[in-house]
C-alpha atoms as a PDB file:
ATOM      1  CA  MET A   1      96.454  36.922  72.037  1.00  0.00           C
ATOM      2  CA  LYS A   2      98.614  39.426  73.985  1.00  0.00           C
ATOM      3  CA  LYS A   3      99.158  42.954  72.789  1.00  0.00           C
ATOM      4  CA  LEU A   4     102.781  44.166  72.351  1.00  0.00           C
ATOM      5  CA  THR A   5     103.851  47.087  74.434  1.00  0.00           C
ATOM      6  CA  PRO A   6     105.264  50.166  72.576  1.00  0.00           C
ATOM      7  CA  THR A   7     108.726  49.220  74.075  1.00  0.00           C
ATOM      8  CA  ALA A   8     108.433  45.582  72.823  1.00  0.00           C
ATOM      9  CA  MET A   9     107.408  46.889  69.289  1.00  0.00           C
ATOM     10  CA  LEU A  10     110.433  49.279  69.251  1.00  0.00           C
ATOM     11  CA  LEU A  11     112.915  46.518  70.239  1.00  0.00           C
ATOM     12  CA  ILE A  12     111.505  44.238  67.549  1.00  0.00           C
ATOM     13  CA  SER A  13     111.750  46.901  64.863  1.00  0.00           C
ATOM     14  CA  LEU A  14     115.321  47.744  65.851  1.00  0.00           C
ATOM     15  CA  PHE A  15     116.302  44.086  65.746  1.00  0.00           C
ATOM     16  CA  ALA A  16     114.618  43.779  62.416  1.00  0.00           C
ATOM     17  CA  SER A  17     116.412  46.667  60.819  1.00  0.00           C
ATOM     18  CA  THR A  18     119.714  45.515  62.215  1.00  0.00           C
ATOM     19  CA  THR A  19     119.196  41.988  60.820  1.00  0.00           C
ATOM     20  CA  PHE A  20     118.102  43.367  57.418  1.00  0.00           C
ATOM     21  CA  ALA A  21     121.181  45.703  57.238  1.00  0.00           C
ATOM     22  CA  SER A  22     123.573  42.846  58.191  1.00  0.00           C
ATOM     23  CA  GLN A  23     122.927  41.129  54.851  1.00  0.00           C
ATOM     24  CA  TYR A  24     124.886  43.927  53.195  1.00  0.00           C
ATOM     25  CA  ASP A  25     127.908  43.754  55.612  1.00  0.00           C
ATOM     26  CA  LYS A  26     131.188  42.711  54.051  1.00  0.00           C
ATOM     27  CA  PRO A  27     134.434  41.720  55.745  1.00  0.00           C
ATOM     28  CA  GLY A  28     135.726  44.876  57.457  1.00  0.00           C
ATOM     29  CA  PHE A  29     132.577  46.839  56.868  1.00  0.00           C
ATOM     30  CA  VAL A  30     129.398  47.338  58.976  1.00  0.00           C
ATOM     31  CA  THR A  31     126.175  48.626  57.294  1.00  0.00           C
ATOM     32  CA  GLU A  32     123.118  50.372  58.539  1.00  0.00           C
ATOM     33  CA  ILE A  33     119.970  51.247  56.666  1.00  0.00           C
ATOM     34  CA  GLU A  34     118.345  54.612  57.316  1.00  0.00           C
ATOM     35  CA  ASP A  35     115.497  55.974  55.211  1.00  0.00           C
ATOM     36  CA  GLY A  36     116.222  53.525  52.436  1.00  0.00           C
ATOM     37  CA  ARG A  37     119.824  54.373  52.146  1.00  0.00           C
ATOM     38  CA  LEU A  38     122.785  52.102  53.003  1.00  0.00           C
ATOM     39  CA  TRP A  39     125.219  53.586  55.370  1.00  0.00           C
ATOM     40  CA  VAL A  40     128.685  52.081  55.405  1.00  0.00           C
ATOM     41  CA  PHE A  41     131.265  52.181  58.081  1.00  0.00           C
ATOM     42  CA  ARG A  42     134.608  50.404  58.858  1.00  0.00           C
ATOM     43  CA  GLU A  43     134.284  47.894  61.585  1.00  0.00           C
ATOM     44  CA  GLY A  44     135.083  49.410  64.973  1.00  0.00           C
ATOM     45  CA  SER A  45     135.488  52.892  63.480  1.00  0.00           C
ATOM     46  CA  LYS A  46     134.783  56.089  65.465  1.00  0.00           C
ATOM     47  CA  GLU A  47     132.352  57.089  62.661  1.00  0.00           C
ATOM     48  CA  LEU A  48     130.285  53.957  63.392  1.00  0.00           C
ATOM     49  CA  ASP A  49     130.180  54.818  67.067  1.00  0.00           C
ATOM     50  CA  GLU A  50     129.278  58.456  66.417  1.00  0.00           C
ATOM     51  CA  PHE A  51     126.465  57.293  63.940  1.00  0.00           C
ATOM     52  CA  LYS A  52     124.958  55.066  66.490  1.00  0.00           C
ATOM     53  CA  LYS A  53     124.955  57.800  69.129  1.00  0.00           C
ATOM     54  CA  THR A  54     123.980  60.874  67.203  1.00  0.00           C
ATOM     55  CA  GLY A  55     122.669  59.937  63.729  1.00  0.00           C
ATOM     56  CA  GLU A  56     123.914  61.248  60.426  1.00  0.00           C
ATOM     57  CA  PRO A  57     127.538  62.593  60.570  1.00  0.00           C
ATOM     58  CA  ALA A  58     128.054  66.230  59.630  1.00  0.00           C
ATOM     59  CA  LYS A  59     130.322  65.340  56.771  1.00  0.00           C
ATOM     60  CA  GLN A  60     129.019  62.615  54.526  1.00  0.00           C
ATOM     61  CA  PHE A  61     129.602  61.154  51.001  1.00  0.00           C
ATOM     62  CA  SER A  62     126.950  59.547  48.756  1.00  0.00           C
ATOM     63  CA  ASP A  63     126.875  57.392  45.667  1.00  0.00           C
ATOM     64  CA  ILE A  64     123.323  57.486  44.327  1.00  0.00           C
ATOM     65  CA  GLY A  65     121.784  54.207  43.234  1.00  0.00           C
ATOM     66  CA  THR A  66     125.066  52.111  42.903  1.00  0.00           C
ATOM     67  CA  GLY A  67     124.578  50.000  46.145  1.00  0.00           C
ATOM     68  CA  PRO A  68     122.901  46.553  46.549  1.00  0.00           C
ATOM     69  CA  ASP A  69     119.306  46.578  45.214  1.00  0.00           C
ATOM     70  CA  GLY A  70     119.932  49.970  43.678  1.00  0.00           C
ATOM     71  CA  MET A  71     120.206  51.735  46.936  1.00  0.00           C
ATOM     72  CA  THR A  72     122.088  55.000  47.609  1.00  0.00           C
ATOM     73  CA  VAL A  73     125.205  54.238  49.588  1.00  0.00           C
ATOM     74  CA  LYS A  74     126.444  56.785  52.128  1.00  0.00           C
ATOM     75  CA  SER A  75     129.503  57.014  54.323  1.00  0.00           C
ATOM     76  CA  ALA A  76     131.264  59.485  56.651  1.00  0.00           C
ATOM     77  CA  ASP A  77     134.373  59.353  54.524  1.00  0.00           C
ATOM     78  CA  GLU A  78     135.003  58.956  50.746  1.00  0.00           C
ATOM     79  CA  LYS A  79     137.625  56.196  51.101  1.00  0.00           C
ATOM     80  CA  THR A  80     135.285  53.881  53.001  1.00  0.00           C
ATOM     81  CA  LEU A  81     132.564  54.541  50.484  1.00  0.00           C
ATOM     82  CA  LYS A  82     134.780  53.643  47.517  1.00  0.00           C
ATOM     83  CA  ASP A  83     136.319  50.713  49.183  1.00  0.00           C
ATOM     84  CA  TYR A  84     132.883  49.188  50.100  1.00  0.00           C
ATOM     85  CA  LEU A  85     131.583  49.750  46.535  1.00  0.00           C
ATOM     86  CA  GLN A  86     134.628  47.810  45.227  1.00  0.00           C
ATOM     87  CA  THR A  87     133.839  44.906  47.404  1.00  0.00           C
ATOM     88  CA  ILE A  88     130.344  44.560  46.046  1.00  0.00           C
ATOM     89  CA  LYS A  89     131.447  44.847  42.463  1.00  0.00           C
ATOM     90  CA  LYS A  90     133.622  41.763  42.726  1.00  0.00           C
END
């Protein structure tokens, strides 16, 4: 059996986390999971691009335990957070 290189393991783990997060995507929203918390962004938003480049935004809003599977939901702006939570309550 071949051993996986560290690069291959990293790529597999990144793909797996992206796949896992996508189950929480809703129309108009993109989700990412970081440290067990669900980050929510508008599709194509500058906040999503910034998150992918630099990590957590300086300004963030949280709703503890109200997300899917009891996760804390976080977003770079309050309106996106509230709108996403409305879509999962329907």
